[in-house]
Structures are given as C-alpha cells and as structure tokens.
Protein backbone atom coordinates (compact mmCIF):
# COMPACT_ATOMS: atom_id res chain seq x y z
CA MET A 1 58.73 131.27 151.29
CA THR A 2 60.47 133.58 153.78
CA ALA A 3 63.76 132.78 155.45
CA LYS A 4 61.87 132.49 158.75
CA GLN A 5 59.45 129.95 157.26
CA LYS A 6 62.37 127.91 155.88
CA ARG A 7 64.00 127.85 159.36
CA ASN A 8 60.71 126.79 160.94
CA GLU A 9 60.52 123.83 158.53
CA ARG A 10 63.92 122.45 159.49
CA ILE A 11 63.94 118.83 160.62
CA ASN A 12 64.70 117.71 164.16
CA GLY A 13 67.62 115.30 164.12
CA THR A 14 69.12 113.12 166.84
CA SER A 15 72.59 111.68 167.32
CA ILE A 16 74.42 109.86 170.09
CA PHE A 17 77.89 109.21 171.44
CA LEU A 18 78.04 105.61 172.72
CA LEU A 19 81.12 106.08 174.86
CA ASN A 20 83.12 103.07 176.07
CA SER A 21 85.53 102.91 179.01
CA GLN A 22 88.44 103.87 176.71
CA ARG A 23 86.50 106.98 175.63
CA GLN A 24 86.01 105.63 172.13
CA PHE A 25 82.71 105.95 170.29
CA PRO A 26 81.35 104.10 167.23
CA LEU A 27 80.63 105.75 163.91
CA ILE A 28 78.59 104.24 161.08
CA LEU A 29 79.90 104.24 157.51
CA ARG A 30 76.97 105.45 155.43
CA ASP A 31 75.87 103.54 152.33
CA ASP A 32 77.68 104.60 149.16
CA ILE A 33 74.53 105.55 147.27
CA PRO A 34 74.66 108.82 145.29
CA THR A 35 71.00 109.64 146.01
CA ILE A 36 71.44 109.91 149.80
CA ALA A 37 73.10 112.72 151.75
CA TYR A 38 76.80 112.29 152.48
CA PRO A 39 77.25 108.89 150.77
CA GLY A 40 80.22 106.79 151.91
CA MET A 41 81.03 109.07 154.90
CA TRP A 42 81.33 108.27 158.60
CA ASP A 43 78.36 109.37 160.66
CA LEU A 44 77.18 109.41 164.29
CA PRO A 45 74.33 106.97 164.97
CA GLY A 46 70.94 108.64 165.11
CA GLY A 47 67.95 109.65 163.02
CA THR A 48 65.08 112.04 162.42
CA VAL A 49 62.38 112.79 164.99
CA GLU A 50 59.01 111.49 163.78
CA PRO A 51 55.67 113.24 164.45
CA GLY A 52 54.52 112.68 168.04
CA GLU A 53 57.97 111.64 169.26
CA THR A 54 60.29 113.36 171.69
CA PRO A 55 63.99 113.46 170.72
CA HIS A 56 64.73 111.09 173.61
CA GLU A 57 62.16 108.60 172.31
CA THR A 58 63.64 108.95 168.83
CA ILE A 59 67.21 108.12 169.81
CA VAL A 60 66.06 105.08 171.83
CA ARG A 61 63.97 103.87 168.86
CA GLU A 62 66.74 104.51 166.32
CA MET A 63 69.29 102.53 168.33
CA ARG A 64 66.85 99.65 168.61
CA GLU A 65 66.02 99.70 164.88
CA GLU A 66 69.48 100.54 163.46
CA ILE A 67 71.75 98.34 165.56
CA GLY A 68 69.47 96.25 167.81
CA LEU A 69 70.60 98.07 170.95
CA HIS A 70 68.10 98.60 173.78
CA LEU A 71 69.30 101.72 175.62
CA LYS A 72 68.07 102.64 179.09
CA ASP A 73 70.41 105.31 180.49
CA VAL A 74 70.57 108.02 177.82
CA ARG A 75 71.57 111.60 178.65
CA LEU A 76 71.12 114.73 176.61
CA PHE A 77 74.42 116.43 175.85
CA LYS A 78 73.38 119.50 173.88
CA VAL A 79 70.84 120.86 171.38
CA TYR A 80 72.34 122.58 168.33
CA ASP A 81 70.45 125.17 166.29
CA LEU A 82 71.98 124.55 162.85
CA PRO A 83 71.10 126.13 159.48
CA ASP A 84 69.63 122.87 158.12
CA ARG A 85 68.25 121.24 161.28
CA ILE A 86 67.85 121.18 165.05
CA GLU A 87 70.28 118.53 166.28
CA HIS A 88 69.64 116.84 169.64
CA THR A 89 72.87 115.11 170.65
CA PHE A 90 72.80 112.49 173.38
CA TRP A 91 75.40 110.29 175.04
CA ALA A 92 75.56 107.07 177.03
CA SER A 93 78.33 105.17 178.80
CA ILE A 94 78.38 101.62 177.45
CA ASP A 95 80.96 99.00 176.48
CA LEU A 96 79.77 97.36 173.25
CA ASP A 97 80.87 94.42 171.15
CA LEU A 98 80.32 95.92 167.70
CA ASN A 99 80.51 92.48 166.10
CA ALA A 100 77.49 91.38 168.12
CA LEU A 101 75.28 94.21 166.84
CA THR A 102 72.95 93.87 163.86
CA LEU A 103 73.43 96.87 161.56
CA THR A 104 70.34 97.58 159.44
CA GLU A 105 71.54 100.85 157.87
CA GLY A 106 75.01 101.70 156.59
CA GLN A 107 77.96 99.54 155.62
CA ARG A 108 79.70 98.95 158.97
CA MET A 109 80.51 100.36 162.39
CA LYS A 110 83.92 101.21 163.78
CA TRP A 111 85.37 102.60 166.99
CA PHE A 112 86.83 106.11 166.77
CA THR A 113 88.88 108.19 169.17
CA ARG A 114 88.61 111.96 169.37
CA LYS A 115 91.90 112.28 167.49
CA ARG A 116 90.91 109.89 164.72
CA ALA A 117 87.54 111.59 164.26
CA ALA A 118 89.29 114.96 163.96
CA GLN A 119 91.35 113.52 161.09
CA THR A 120 88.22 112.29 159.26
CA GLU A 121 85.60 114.41 157.50
CA LEU A 122 82.31 113.35 159.07
CA ALA A 123 78.81 113.53 157.64
CA PHE A 124 76.43 116.37 158.52
CA GLY A 125 79.22 118.54 159.93
CA PHE A 126 79.62 116.31 162.99
CA ASN A 127 83.31 117.18 163.40
CA ALA A 128 82.38 120.37 165.27
CA ILE A 129 80.00 118.46 167.55
CA VAL A 130 82.62 115.79 168.30
CA ASP A 131 85.09 118.52 169.21
CA ASP A 132 82.46 120.20 171.39
CA PHE A 133 81.63 116.95 173.15
CA PHE A 134 85.21 116.21 174.16
CA ARG A 135 85.91 119.84 175.04
CA LEU A 136 82.96 119.97 177.47
CA HIS A 137 83.53 116.33 178.52
CA PRO A 138 80.14 115.45 180.08
CA PHE A 139 81.56 111.96 180.66
CA MET A 140 83.47 113.44 183.61
CA GLU A 141 80.33 112.59 185.64
CA SER A 142 79.34 116.26 185.69
CA GLU A 143 75.88 117.75 185.47
CA ALA A 144 74.65 121.31 185.29
CA ALA A 145 73.79 122.79 188.68
CA ALA A 146 70.58 124.01 187.04
CA GLU A 147 69.42 120.36 187.01
CA PHE A 148 69.19 120.72 190.82
CA PRO A 149 67.22 123.98 191.27
CA GLY A 150 67.76 125.93 194.47
CA ALA A 151 65.12 126.83 197.00
CA GLU A 152 64.64 130.36 195.69
CA HIS A 153 63.52 128.97 192.32
CA ALA A 154 61.43 126.13 193.77
CA PRO A 155 60.42 127.01 197.36
CA LEU A 156 57.88 124.19 197.72
CA ALA A 157 60.65 121.72 196.85
CA TYR A 158 62.77 122.98 199.77
CA PRO A 159 65.41 121.93 200.73
CA GLY A 160 65.96 121.42 197.00
CA LEU A 161 67.05 118.64 194.69
CA ARG A 162 70.57 117.32 195.13
CA PRO A 163 72.71 114.44 193.85
CA ALA A 164 72.73 111.25 195.87
CA TYR A 165 76.54 111.33 195.72
CA SER A 166 79.38 113.58 196.85
CA TYR A 167 80.46 116.22 194.34
CA VAL A 168 82.41 119.39 193.63
CA TYR A 169 80.47 122.47 192.56
CA TYR A 170 82.59 124.30 189.98
CA GLN A 171 81.62 126.83 187.31
CA GLY A 172 77.94 125.97 187.35
CA CYS A 173 78.45 122.19 187.23
CA VAL A 174 78.61 119.34 189.70
CA HIS A 175 81.49 116.90 189.28
CA ARG A 176 81.06 113.54 190.98
CA ILE A 177 83.50 112.52 193.72
CA ARG A 178 84.27 108.79 193.85
CA PRO A 179 85.72 107.55 197.16
CA ARG A 180 88.05 104.58 196.70
CA SER A 181 88.70 103.91 200.37
CA ARG A 182 88.08 105.34 203.82
CA THR A 183 90.94 107.86 203.62
CA VAL A 184 90.59 111.52 202.66
CA SER A 185 93.52 111.28 200.25
CA ASP A 186 91.69 108.58 198.26
CA LEU A 187 88.83 110.72 196.93
CA TRP A 188 88.81 110.85 193.11
CA LEU A 189 87.16 112.65 190.20
CA ASP A 190 87.29 112.21 186.43
CA ASP A 191 89.18 115.09 184.82
CA ALA A 192 89.70 115.72 181.11
CA ALA A 193 93.02 113.84 181.19
CA GLY A 194 91.70 111.01 183.36
CA PRO A 195 91.07 110.29 187.07
CA VAL A 196 92.64 112.71 189.59
CA THR A 197 92.45 113.06 193.35
CA LEU A 198 90.11 115.64 194.80
CA ASP A 199 93.01 117.74 196.08
CA ALA A 200 94.66 117.64 192.63
CA PHE A 201 91.38 118.76 191.05
CA LEU A 202 91.12 121.67 193.51
CA THR A 203 94.71 122.88 193.36
CA ALA A 204 94.83 122.65 189.54
CA ARG A 205 92.06 125.28 189.59
CA ASN A 206 93.89 127.47 192.12
CA ASN A 207 91.58 126.45 194.95
CA ALA A 208 92.53 125.44 198.48
CA PRO A 209 92.98 121.72 199.28
CA LEU A 210 90.73 119.97 201.79
CA ALA A 211 93.14 120.47 204.70
CA ALA A 212 92.71 124.25 204.39
CA ARG A 213 88.89 124.12 204.51
CA HIS A 214 86.14 124.15 207.15
CA ALA A 215 83.61 121.31 207.31
CA VAL A 216 80.17 122.92 207.65
CA LEU A 217 77.02 120.85 207.93
CA ALA A 218 74.40 121.68 205.27
CA VAL A 219 71.13 120.88 207.03
CA GLY A 220 68.94 122.74 204.53
CA SER A 221 69.29 123.96 200.97
CA ASN A 222 73.05 124.59 201.15
CA GLY A 223 73.71 121.01 200.03
CA CYS A 224 71.80 121.71 196.81
CA PRO A 225 73.92 122.66 193.75
CA GLY A 226 71.31 125.17 192.62
CA ARG A 227 71.50 126.96 195.97
CA LEU A 228 75.30 127.04 195.80
CA ALA A 229 74.97 128.54 192.33
CA GLU A 230 72.68 131.22 193.79
CA LYS A 231 75.20 132.01 196.53
CA TYR A 232 78.52 131.60 194.70
CA GLY A 233 77.58 131.80 191.01
CA ASP A 234 79.26 135.18 190.52
CA GLN A 235 82.55 133.76 191.85
CA LEU A 236 83.57 131.88 188.71
CA ASP A 237 86.72 130.27 190.12
CA VAL A 238 85.09 128.85 193.25
CA ALA A 239 85.43 125.08 193.60
CA LEU A 240 83.34 123.80 196.49
CA PRO A 241 83.37 120.13 197.61
CA VAL A 242 80.14 118.74 199.06
CA PHE A 243 80.15 115.38 200.82
CA VAL A 244 77.02 113.24 201.19
CA GLY A 245 76.59 110.81 204.06
CA THR A 246 75.13 110.24 207.51
CA LEU A 247 75.53 111.92 210.88
CA PRO A 248 74.61 110.15 214.13
CA ASN A 249 72.81 111.80 217.04
CA THR A 250 71.41 114.43 214.70
CA ALA A 251 67.90 115.44 213.68
CA VAL A 252 67.04 118.05 211.06
CA VAL A 253 63.94 120.01 212.04
CA TYR A 254 62.02 123.06 210.87
CA SER A 255 62.91 126.47 212.16
CA ARG A 256 60.25 128.87 213.39
CA HIS A 257 60.82 131.69 210.89
CA LEU A 258 59.87 132.25 207.24
CA VAL A 259 62.62 133.03 204.73
CA HIS A 260 62.24 135.67 202.01
CA TYR A 261 61.31 133.19 199.26
CA GLY A 262 58.43 131.77 201.30
CA ALA A 263 59.73 128.55 202.87
CA LEU A 264 60.23 127.32 206.40
CA PRO A 265 63.96 126.53 206.63
CA ALA A 266 65.79 123.71 208.37
CA THR A 267 67.95 123.78 211.45
CA TYR A 268 70.35 121.41 213.20
CA LEU A 269 69.33 119.66 216.40
CA HIS A 270 71.55 117.42 218.51
CA GLN A 271 69.35 114.44 219.33
CA PRO A 272 70.83 111.23 220.82
CA GLY A 273 69.85 108.12 218.86
CA ALA A 274 68.74 109.98 215.74
CA VAL A 275 70.50 109.50 212.38
CA SER A 276 70.21 111.92 209.45
CA TRP A 277 71.30 111.72 205.81
CA LEU A 278 72.99 115.04 205.12
CA SER A 279 75.60 117.01 203.23
CA VAL A 280 78.78 118.71 204.41
CA THR A 281 80.19 121.68 202.53
CA MET A 282 83.98 122.13 202.64
CA LEU A 283 84.51 125.89 202.74
CA THR A 284 87.57 128.13 202.57
CA ASP A 285 87.84 131.09 204.96
CA ALA A 286 86.34 133.42 202.33
CA GLN A 287 83.56 130.97 201.43
CA LEU A 288 82.71 130.51 205.11
CA ALA A 289 82.52 134.28 205.64
CA HIS A 290 80.18 134.50 202.65
CA MET A 291 78.05 131.65 204.00
CA ASP A 292 77.88 133.25 207.47
CA LYS A 293 76.60 136.45 205.91
CA SER A 294 73.99 134.67 203.78
CA GLU A 295 72.78 132.72 206.85
CA LYS A 296 72.44 135.97 208.84
CA LEU A 297 74.77 134.63 211.51
CA GLY A 298 74.02 136.24 214.86
CA LYS A 299 70.63 137.57 213.76
CA ILE A 300 68.75 134.33 213.13
CA TYR A 301 71.23 131.47 213.24
CA ARG A 302 74.14 130.58 215.50
CA ARG A 303 77.01 128.31 214.46
CA ILE A 304 78.30 125.66 216.86
CA ALA A 305 80.71 122.72 216.92
CA VAL A 306 79.20 119.30 216.21
CA PRO A 307 80.64 116.56 218.45
CA GLU A 308 80.02 113.64 216.05
CA GLN A 309 81.95 112.46 213.01
CA PHE A 310 80.28 112.67 209.61
CA HIS A 311 80.29 109.37 207.66
CA VAL A 312 80.84 110.09 203.95
CA ASP A 313 79.00 107.47 201.89
CA GLY A 314 81.64 104.94 200.85
CA GLY A 315 84.39 107.22 202.07
CA PRO A 316 86.16 108.71 205.10
CA LEU A 317 85.00 110.17 208.38
CA ILE A 318 84.97 113.97 208.63
CA ASP A 319 85.90 115.61 211.96
CA ASP A 320 85.68 119.16 213.30
CA LEU A 321 82.22 119.91 211.96
CA THR A 322 80.22 123.05 212.63
CA ALA A 323 76.51 123.58 212.01
CA TYR A 324 74.04 126.46 211.87
CA PHE A 325 71.11 126.27 214.29
CA ASP A 326 68.12 128.39 215.24
CA PRO A 327 67.50 128.77 219.00
CA GLN A 328 63.73 128.54 218.36
CA ILE A 329 62.26 125.66 216.36
CA LEU A 330 58.76 124.92 215.11
CA ALA A 331 56.66 122.64 217.29
CA TYR A 332 53.48 120.66 216.62
CA ARG A 333 51.80 118.93 219.55
CA ASN A 334 54.85 119.90 221.59
CA CYS A 335 57.25 118.02 219.28
CA PRO A 336 59.79 119.25 216.70
CA VAL A 337 58.84 118.64 213.06
CA GLN A 338 61.49 116.73 211.08
CA LEU A 339 62.36 117.26 207.41
CA LYS A 340 61.24 114.27 205.41
CA MET A 341 64.27 114.26 203.08
CA PHE A 342 66.86 113.83 205.84
CA ALA A 343 65.28 111.66 208.55
CA ARG A 344 66.73 108.13 208.69
CA LYS A 345 66.30 107.07 212.32
CA GLY A 346 65.11 108.81 215.42
CA PRO A 347 62.27 109.75 217.76
CA GLN A 348 58.61 109.44 216.82
CA TRP A 349 58.25 113.12 215.90
CA PRO A 350 56.16 114.34 212.95
CA VAL A 351 57.98 114.08 209.59
CA MET A 352 56.91 116.49 206.85
CA ASP A 353 58.00 117.90 203.53
CA GLN A 354 57.71 121.62 202.74
CA PRO A 355 54.14 121.60 201.35
CA GLN A 356 52.95 119.63 204.38
CA VAL A 357 54.57 121.91 206.96
CA LEU A 358 53.37 125.06 205.21
CA ARG A 359 49.83 123.63 205.11
CA LEU A 360 50.13 122.94 208.84
CA VAL A 361 51.14 126.54 209.58
CA PHE A 362 48.45 128.03 207.33
CA ASP A 363 45.80 125.79 208.90
CA GLN A 364 46.94 126.57 212.44
CA ALA A 365 46.74 130.28 211.57
CA GLY A 366 43.32 129.83 209.98
CA LEU A 367 44.45 131.48 206.74
CA LEU A 368 43.00 130.62 203.29
CA MET A 369 41.28 127.51 204.55
CA GLY A 370 40.17 125.15 201.77
CA THR A 371 42.74 126.56 199.34
CA SER A 372 45.45 124.35 197.82
CA ILE A 373 48.96 124.78 199.19
CA ALA A 374 50.22 125.76 195.73
CA GLU A 375 47.69 128.62 195.60
CA ARG A 376 48.41 129.61 199.20
CA HIS A 377 52.09 129.79 198.44
CA ARG A 378 51.52 131.83 195.28
CA LEU A 379 49.48 134.35 197.28
CA LEU A 380 52.10 134.34 200.04
CA GLN A 381 54.73 135.49 197.54
CA GLN A 382 52.47 138.21 196.10
CA ASP A 383 50.47 139.52 199.07
CA GLN A 384 52.56 141.36 201.66
CA ASP A 385 49.63 141.58 204.11
CA LEU A 386 49.22 137.80 204.01
CA ARG A 387 52.95 137.38 204.53
CA ARG A 388 52.88 139.68 207.56
CA GLN A 389 49.93 137.78 209.03
CA LEU A 390 51.75 134.46 208.71
CA ILE A 391 54.96 135.87 210.20
CA ARG A 392 53.04 137.37 213.15
CA PHE A 393 51.42 133.99 213.76
CA LEU A 394 54.80 132.21 213.65
CA ASP A 395 56.30 134.78 216.02
CA GLY A 396 53.36 134.69 218.41
CA ARG A 397 50.82 131.89 218.60
CA MET A 398 52.54 129.06 216.68
CA GLY A 399 54.02 126.51 219.03
CA TYR A 400 57.78 126.44 219.41
CA LEU A 401 60.58 124.81 221.38
CA THR A 402 63.90 126.30 222.46
CA VAL A 403 67.41 125.03 221.75
CA ASN A 404 70.46 125.71 223.91
CA ALA A 405 73.98 126.72 222.88
CA GLN A 406 74.91 123.03 222.40
CA GLY A 407 72.09 122.56 219.88
CA GLU A 408 69.98 120.51 222.33
CA LEU A 409 66.30 120.83 223.18
CA THR A 410 65.61 122.65 226.46
CA GLY A 411 61.81 122.95 226.37
CA PRO A 412 58.95 125.23 225.33
C-alpha cells in the first residue's frame, strides 16, 4: 500500500468545544481499558463519521448518544488534516449542568479552562487544537467574511449576504457589535480578554475611533463583508465598523447602469414616508477616499448629505450621514424599482431581487427570450456583444427617471 493510499484511508473524526459563559469546556475521561486508544486520558467529546453522514450530522448524533444532549446551534471551527485522520472540530455556546447529563462512554466529564487543559496531556493530540481554538477565539462572535460573499463572486445574489447585526470588519472577519444602550459610547464587542467598547477595540488596533470617522450609507453591496473584503482586503490593518438599522424617508432603488460583474446596482432615493433597512459604514478619511474611487464618484455616482438620522438596531442614532446616488434610476411603468432586501415601508412601487430585475431588463430588450436568468447571466459575463447590446438598451430605450441634487425624484 502506498503512502497516498494510506492517507486516503484515514478516518474522518469529529470533536466539539461545548463552551459555557465562563469560557470553560467539558472533557471526557476515557475508559481505562488497555485495548482502546489513549486509555484513561482526557478527551474532547466527539466520534467517527459513519458512511453516509456529514461531519455536522455526526457531531449532533454523537452528542445525543454519548451524553444525551440535543444540539441545535453547532458551528464548524476548523478542519484539521492530520497524519492519522481528518478532524472536523465544532463548537457551540451552551451552559450545561454536567451532573444532569447521561454519559454512555467514558468514566466522567469535567469542566476545563484553557490553562488547565494546557497542563494536561490530552488524547489524540488535542492540546494543539485547544490552543488553536483559544488563539483564534471564534467565540468572540466573529465569522469569516467569506461566509458573506460579495457581489463580484455572486452577482445574482446582489446586494450580497450580510449579517443581521452590526459588526466590525477586521482582517477578513466580522466581529459582532452589541449595543447596550442608545449611546455611541455603549457599543461593545467580545475581545480575547473579554468585552470591550467599540472605540477600545478600534484604538487597540491602531485604528481611528468613531468620532474621527464619516458615516456613509451603504445602499448596495458595501454593507456586505465579502464586498468590504474585495475593496479593503489588501489593507490588513483596516478595522471598519458597519451599523445595521433603519432609515426613514428613504427608498433603495435600482440604478440604470450595469456594473462590470453583471449586476444592476442600488442607489439612494429620498422618499418621504418610506422606511428602509440598511447599513452604515463608518469610514476614516483614507477609507472614504478609497470608497469614493471604487464608486466612481463624479462619473456615475454623486455623494450627498442625508437629512435623516439612522436608527442603529438596539443602539444609538447616527447623524451627519452621506449617501451615494445615481442621477438616473431604472423605471418600470414609470415607477422606480425597489430592492427587495431593503424595502420595509413605502410607496406601491415594484419590488424585485436581482434575478427578477435582470429578467425584466432582458425581456424588455427582447434578448434571449425563453432562456433562464442563470443562463442569460452566464452569457452576459462571457459574450461582450451581448453585454454591449444590454448596455445600449439601458442607455437608450429602457425607461428611467431622474433624481435631483437632493436625491429626490424630479421626473422622466
């Protein structure tokens, strides 16, 4: 048997950190039987993936069978390619009464801290994984920005996936912001040493505090972590707060132009009585200059002051907003077309997601009739002649409305 064949025959193992509010996790003392691996040693809960199972299904089953625990919210921490196995390590936040659990394998369970685990030789080489877990601290309510792909990677999902909570984008991850009151100084995050204020988090990483930043409305993909990674990913020390909430007298509608990755982008529109669920990026001078350049300020978009206050979900009001807007917006039956993701209250205008609005434009142009929108979009990205035809239609015969310097509709 070759070395490659031996590696291909390695088992798939699973393990889990069941983390309580004191950041302790239980280990299981393995049975002291000489015929099993690592007898009488402390071990992370888990087990081997059975044929037909996913690792996620395995860890849920193992917790049910080993300790009688029915887990619902389980997150993957990391997959380790080890010499003897592929280890899928999960974690979950849960406060357990170990005495109330029914242990079917092993001698007993016990709470461990990071320090105590480091002083104990663990089964299956888990000491390195414990160290890795607390070094990367996923329990800080952080997720990889890649979990929220940007518009360039998923144009039909424009304006892109985003957390339903406020966060800081930093080094490819999103770190959840937890407002504790309606004041700006009472915004908190979990750091490695415990909860810290947002300003403390920023300044500890040599980034400007909130008072030195510009509040810029993200009406399209700029509220998406994946898009921020596309724009700022090469600036490793950038920490960028993004607030989630609502803005009154605001509608988010489709612009009239096509961006390079094949989507119709969003634009701000001041509309009395409308309410939109949006994001606000808090940008330094340098970050704002970078954003202006990426938005082609002056060529396509303008940036204007927004008169309303932004209501951060569960948190403070944000003043002195600016927003990007396109002076020409898409129209259907003489009405703007709203983005489905953001509309909360407003006029009876059409509401569409990206596949729907692209289908509308293709159909109005009479291009590739009877073809699925996924196939149309694939051809749009590959066929420059098709792209030019669609752009000419948008620039010429597709209906549009104009917007004045205050971001208000003025007419066709």
